[in-house]
């Protein structure tokens, strides 16, 4: 990288990065959030370096299943069990003459 200053600027795609001017002795970080890419463009001593391309993606934290959380599958199994128990209880109450 160049020994000069480093700037950051938003661009629209690789074409925008290619066209972005960089002053001699500087490096610029060009970023396109919609495309999920960024580019490093340098101009060392008035000699432009090739455009370097990088991709990025968001890394979402994984939710750890603690003692007071259940998975969707565990919840569905519990729902089925409660429904079956409720149906059996209603059937028993009806058989015993209840309402």
N, C-alpha and C. Protein backbone atom coordinates (compact mmCIF):
# COMPACT_ATOMS: atom_id res chain seq x y z
N UNK A 1 0.83 -1.18 0.00
CA UNK A 1 0.00 0.00 0.00
C UNK A 1 0.88 1.24 0.00
N UNK A 2 0.27 2.33 -0.39
CA UNK A 2 1.00 3.59 -0.44
C UNK A 2 1.32 4.08 0.97
N UNK A 3 2.33 4.90 1.08
CA UNK A 3 2.72 5.45 2.37
C UNK A 3 1.90 6.67 2.75
N UNK A 4 1.06 7.16 1.82
CA UNK A 4 0.28 8.36 2.07
C UNK A 4 -0.98 8.09 2.86
N UNK A 5 -1.87 9.02 2.77
CA UNK A 5 -3.13 8.94 3.50
C UNK A 5 -4.04 7.88 2.89
N UNK A 6 -4.95 7.38 3.73
CA UNK A 6 -5.94 6.41 3.24
C UNK A 6 -7.32 7.00 3.48
N UNK A 7 -8.13 7.01 2.44
CA UNK A 7 -9.48 7.54 2.50
C UNK A 7 -10.46 6.42 2.22
N UNK A 8 -11.72 6.66 2.57
CA UNK A 8 -12.80 5.73 2.26
C UNK A 8 -13.87 6.50 1.52
N UNK A 9 -14.42 5.86 0.47
CA UNK A 9 -15.48 6.50 -0.29
C UNK A 9 -16.45 5.45 -0.80
N UNK A 10 -17.73 5.77 -0.82
CA UNK A 10 -18.71 4.85 -1.39
C UNK A 10 -18.67 4.93 -2.92
N UNK A 11 -18.85 3.80 -3.57
CA UNK A 11 -18.92 3.77 -5.03
C UNK A 11 -20.08 2.88 -5.45
N UNK A 12 -20.37 2.91 -6.73
CA UNK A 12 -21.45 2.10 -7.27
C UNK A 12 -20.83 1.06 -8.20
N UNK A 13 -20.48 -0.10 -7.65
CA UNK A 13 -19.93 -1.20 -8.44
C UNK A 13 -18.47 -1.01 -8.81
N UNK A 14 -17.95 -2.02 -9.50
CA UNK A 14 -16.54 -2.00 -9.90
C UNK A 14 -16.25 -0.88 -10.87
N UNK A 15 -17.20 -0.56 -11.73
CA UNK A 15 -16.99 0.54 -12.69
C UNK A 15 -16.76 1.85 -11.93
N UNK A 16 -17.53 2.06 -10.87
CA UNK A 16 -17.34 3.26 -10.06
C UNK A 16 -15.98 3.28 -9.38
N UNK A 17 -15.52 2.09 -8.94
CA UNK A 17 -14.20 1.99 -8.31
C UNK A 17 -13.10 2.27 -9.33
N UNK A 18 -13.25 1.74 -10.54
CA UNK A 18 -12.24 1.96 -11.59
C UNK A 18 -12.11 3.44 -11.94
N UNK A 19 -13.23 4.15 -11.95
CA UNK A 19 -13.22 5.56 -12.36
C UNK A 19 -12.82 6.51 -11.24
N UNK A 20 -12.82 6.05 -9.99
CA UNK A 20 -12.57 6.96 -8.87
C UNK A 20 -11.12 7.44 -8.89
N UNK A 21 -10.89 8.76 -8.88
CA UNK A 21 -9.51 9.28 -8.94
C UNK A 21 -8.80 9.15 -7.59
N UNK A 22 -7.52 8.81 -7.65
CA UNK A 22 -6.69 8.71 -6.45
C UNK A 22 -5.45 9.57 -6.66
N UNK A 23 -5.21 10.50 -5.76
CA UNK A 23 -4.05 11.38 -5.88
C UNK A 23 -2.76 10.61 -5.65
N UNK A 24 -1.69 11.09 -6.22
CA UNK A 24 -0.38 10.44 -6.08
C UNK A 24 0.00 10.30 -4.61
N UNK A 25 0.51 9.13 -4.25
CA UNK A 25 0.95 8.86 -2.89
C UNK A 25 -0.16 8.45 -1.94
N UNK A 26 -1.35 8.21 -2.45
CA UNK A 26 -2.48 7.87 -1.59
C UNK A 26 -3.06 6.50 -1.93
N UNK A 27 -3.79 5.97 -0.97
CA UNK A 27 -4.56 4.74 -1.15
C UNK A 27 -5.98 5.05 -0.71
N UNK A 28 -6.95 4.48 -1.41
CA UNK A 28 -8.34 4.73 -1.06
C UNK A 28 -9.08 3.41 -0.95
N UNK A 29 -9.96 3.33 0.03
CA UNK A 29 -10.84 2.18 0.22
C UNK A 29 -12.17 2.57 -0.38
N UNK A 30 -12.55 1.88 -1.45
CA UNK A 30 -13.80 2.14 -2.15
C UNK A 30 -14.76 1.02 -1.79
N UNK A 31 -15.97 1.36 -1.39
CA UNK A 31 -16.87 0.35 -0.85
C UNK A 31 -18.26 0.45 -1.47
N UNK A 32 -18.85 -0.70 -1.77
CA UNK A 32 -20.22 -0.79 -2.28
C UNK A 32 -20.97 -1.79 -1.41
N UNK A 33 -21.76 -1.28 -0.47
CA UNK A 33 -22.48 -2.15 0.46
C UNK A 33 -23.54 -2.99 -0.25
N UNK A 34 -24.16 -2.45 -1.27
CA UNK A 34 -25.19 -3.20 -1.99
C UNK A 34 -24.60 -4.42 -2.70
N UNK A 35 -23.40 -4.28 -3.24
CA UNK A 35 -22.75 -5.39 -3.94
C UNK A 35 -21.98 -6.29 -2.98
N UNK A 36 -21.76 -5.83 -1.75
CA UNK A 36 -21.00 -6.62 -0.77
C UNK A 36 -19.53 -6.72 -1.15
N UNK A 37 -19.00 -5.64 -1.73
CA UNK A 37 -17.60 -5.64 -2.16
C UNK A 37 -16.91 -4.34 -1.76
N UNK A 38 -15.58 -4.44 -1.67
CA UNK A 38 -14.78 -3.23 -1.51
C UNK A 38 -13.50 -3.38 -2.31
N UNK A 39 -12.91 -2.25 -2.64
CA UNK A 39 -11.71 -2.23 -3.47
C UNK A 39 -10.66 -1.35 -2.81
N UNK A 40 -9.42 -1.72 -2.99
CA UNK A 40 -8.29 -0.88 -2.59
C UNK A 40 -7.65 -0.37 -3.86
N UNK A 41 -7.51 0.93 -3.91
CA UNK A 41 -6.93 1.56 -5.10
C UNK A 41 -5.80 2.47 -4.63
N UNK A 42 -4.61 2.24 -5.16
CA UNK A 42 -3.44 3.01 -4.75
C UNK A 42 -2.84 3.74 -5.94
N UNK A 43 -2.15 4.81 -5.62
CA UNK A 43 -1.42 5.56 -6.62
C UNK A 43 -0.08 5.96 -5.98
N UNK A 44 0.86 5.02 -6.04
CA UNK A 44 2.16 5.26 -5.41
C UNK A 44 3.06 6.06 -6.34
N UNK A 45 3.45 7.21 -5.87
CA UNK A 45 4.38 8.07 -6.62
C UNK A 45 3.89 8.35 -8.03
N UNK A 46 2.58 8.48 -8.20
CA UNK A 46 2.03 8.78 -9.52
C UNK A 46 1.88 7.57 -10.42
N UNK A 47 2.17 6.37 -9.91
CA UNK A 47 2.03 5.14 -10.70
C UNK A 47 0.87 4.34 -10.10
N UNK A 48 -0.30 4.33 -10.76
CA UNK A 48 -1.45 3.60 -10.21
C UNK A 48 -1.17 2.10 -10.13
N UNK A 49 -1.57 1.51 -9.02
CA UNK A 49 -1.47 0.06 -8.84
C UNK A 49 -2.75 -0.58 -9.33
N UNK A 50 -2.71 -1.88 -9.67
CA UNK A 50 -3.95 -2.56 -10.08
C UNK A 50 -4.98 -2.52 -8.95
N UNK A 51 -6.23 -2.42 -9.32
CA UNK A 51 -7.33 -2.40 -8.37
C UNK A 51 -7.42 -3.76 -7.69
N UNK A 52 -7.46 -3.75 -6.36
CA UNK A 52 -7.60 -4.99 -5.59
C UNK A 52 -9.05 -5.12 -5.15
N UNK A 53 -9.67 -6.29 -5.39
CA UNK A 53 -11.09 -6.51 -5.12
C UNK A 53 -11.27 -7.50 -3.97
N UNK A 54 -12.22 -7.18 -3.09
CA UNK A 54 -12.53 -8.03 -1.94
C UNK A 54 -14.04 -8.14 -1.80
N UNK A 55 -14.50 -9.28 -1.32
CA UNK A 55 -15.92 -9.47 -1.00
C UNK A 55 -16.06 -9.52 0.51
N UNK A 56 -17.21 -9.10 0.99
CA UNK A 56 -17.47 -9.21 2.42
C UNK A 56 -18.90 -9.65 2.64
N UNK A 57 -19.13 -10.22 3.81
CA UNK A 57 -20.47 -10.63 4.20
C UNK A 57 -20.63 -10.39 5.69
N UNK A 58 -21.86 -10.18 6.08
CA UNK A 58 -22.15 -9.95 7.50
C UNK A 58 -22.10 -11.28 8.23
N UNK A 59 -21.47 -11.28 9.38
CA UNK A 59 -21.42 -12.46 10.23
C UNK A 59 -22.33 -12.22 11.42
N UNK A 60 -23.43 -12.96 11.44
CA UNK A 60 -24.40 -12.81 12.51
C UNK A 60 -24.00 -13.70 13.69
N UNK A 61 -24.14 -13.18 14.89
CA UNK A 61 -23.79 -14.01 16.05
C UNK A 61 -24.74 -15.19 16.16
N UNK A 62 -24.18 -16.33 16.52
CA UNK A 62 -25.01 -17.52 16.72
C UNK A 62 -25.61 -17.46 18.11
N UNK A 63 -26.90 -17.71 18.17
CA UNK A 63 -27.59 -17.70 19.46
C UNK A 63 -27.35 -19.04 20.13
N UNK A 64 -26.78 -18.96 21.31
CA UNK A 64 -26.51 -20.19 22.05
C UNK A 64 -27.77 -20.62 22.76
N UNK A 65 -28.05 -21.91 22.71
CA UNK A 65 -29.25 -22.44 23.34
C UNK A 65 -28.98 -22.59 24.84
N UNK A 66 -29.35 -21.56 25.58
CA UNK A 66 -29.15 -21.57 27.02
C UNK A 66 -30.22 -22.40 27.72
N UNK A 67 -30.18 -22.45 29.02
CA UNK A 67 -31.10 -23.25 29.80
C UNK A 67 -32.55 -22.79 29.70
N UNK A 68 -32.79 -21.54 29.34
CA UNK A 68 -34.17 -21.06 29.28
C UNK A 68 -34.61 -20.77 27.84
N UNK A 69 -33.99 -21.43 26.86
CA UNK A 69 -34.40 -21.30 25.48
C UNK A 69 -34.62 -22.69 24.90
N UNK A 70 -35.56 -22.77 23.96
CA UNK A 70 -35.83 -24.05 23.30
C UNK A 70 -35.73 -23.85 21.80
N UNK A 71 -35.45 -24.95 21.10
CA UNK A 71 -35.43 -24.90 19.64
C UNK A 71 -36.87 -24.95 19.13
N UNK A 72 -37.05 -24.64 17.87
CA UNK A 72 -38.37 -24.69 17.26
C UNK A 72 -38.90 -26.13 17.30
N UNK A 73 -38.03 -27.10 17.06
CA UNK A 73 -38.44 -28.51 17.10
C UNK A 73 -38.92 -28.90 18.50
N UNK A 74 -38.19 -28.49 19.53
CA UNK A 74 -38.61 -28.79 20.91
C UNK A 74 -39.96 -28.14 21.22
N UNK A 75 -40.16 -26.92 20.74
CA UNK A 75 -41.41 -26.21 20.97
C UNK A 75 -42.57 -26.93 20.28
N UNK A 76 -42.36 -27.37 19.03
CA UNK A 76 -43.41 -28.08 18.29
C UNK A 76 -43.78 -29.40 18.98
N UNK A 77 -42.79 -30.12 19.49
CA UNK A 77 -43.05 -31.38 20.21
C UNK A 77 -43.86 -31.10 21.47
N UNK A 78 -43.50 -30.06 22.20
CA UNK A 78 -44.24 -29.69 23.41
C UNK A 78 -45.67 -29.30 23.06
N UNK A 79 -45.85 -28.56 21.98
CA UNK A 79 -47.19 -28.15 21.54
C UNK A 79 -48.06 -29.37 21.24
N UNK A 80 -47.49 -30.34 20.55
CA UNK A 80 -48.23 -31.57 20.23
C UNK A 80 -48.61 -32.33 21.50
N UNK A 81 -47.69 -32.38 22.44
CA UNK A 81 -47.97 -33.08 23.71
C UNK A 81 -49.08 -32.39 24.48
N UNK A 82 -49.04 -31.09 24.57
CA UNK A 82 -50.07 -30.34 25.31
C UNK A 82 -51.43 -30.50 24.62
N UNK A 83 -51.43 -30.45 23.28
CA UNK A 83 -52.69 -30.63 22.54
C UNK A 83 -53.27 -32.02 22.80
N UNK A 84 -52.43 -33.06 22.75
CA UNK A 84 -52.90 -34.42 23.01
C UNK A 84 -53.43 -34.56 24.43
N UNK A 85 -52.74 -34.01 25.41
CA UNK A 85 -53.20 -34.05 26.81
C UNK A 85 -54.53 -33.33 26.96
N UNK A 86 -54.68 -32.19 26.31
CA UNK A 86 -55.92 -31.42 26.40
C UNK A 86 -57.08 -32.20 25.79
N UNK A 87 -56.84 -32.83 24.64
CA UNK A 87 -57.88 -33.63 24.00
C UNK A 87 -58.28 -34.82 24.87
N UNK A 88 -57.30 -35.49 25.46
CA UNK A 88 -57.59 -36.62 26.34
C UNK A 88 -58.35 -36.18 27.59
N UNK A 89 -57.99 -35.05 28.15
CA UNK A 89 -58.68 -34.53 29.33
C UNK A 89 -60.13 -34.19 28.99
N UNK A 90 -60.34 -33.53 27.86
CA UNK A 90 -61.70 -33.19 27.44
C UNK A 90 -62.54 -34.45 27.22
N UNK A 91 -61.93 -35.47 26.62
CA UNK A 91 -62.62 -36.75 26.38
C UNK A 91 -63.00 -37.41 27.72
N UNK A 92 -62.08 -37.40 28.68
CA UNK A 92 -62.33 -37.99 29.99
C UNK A 92 -63.45 -37.26 30.72
N UNK A 93 -63.42 -35.95 30.69
CA UNK A 93 -64.45 -35.15 31.36
C UNK A 93 -65.81 -35.45 30.73
N UNK A 94 -65.85 -35.56 29.41
CA UNK A 94 -67.12 -35.88 28.73
C UNK A 94 -67.61 -37.27 29.12
N UNK A 95 -66.73 -38.25 29.18
CA UNK A 95 -67.10 -39.63 29.55
C UNK A 95 -67.60 -39.71 31.00
N UNK A 96 -67.09 -38.84 31.84
CA UNK A 96 -67.53 -38.85 33.24
C UNK A 96 -68.77 -38.01 33.46
N UNK A 97 -69.34 -37.48 32.39
CA UNK A 97 -70.58 -36.71 32.50
C UNK A 97 -70.38 -35.23 32.68
N UNK A 98 -69.19 -34.76 32.55
CA UNK A 98 -68.94 -33.34 32.69
C UNK A 98 -69.25 -32.61 31.38
N UNK A 99 -69.11 -31.35 31.43
CA UNK A 99 -69.42 -30.56 30.23
C UNK A 99 -68.21 -30.24 29.44
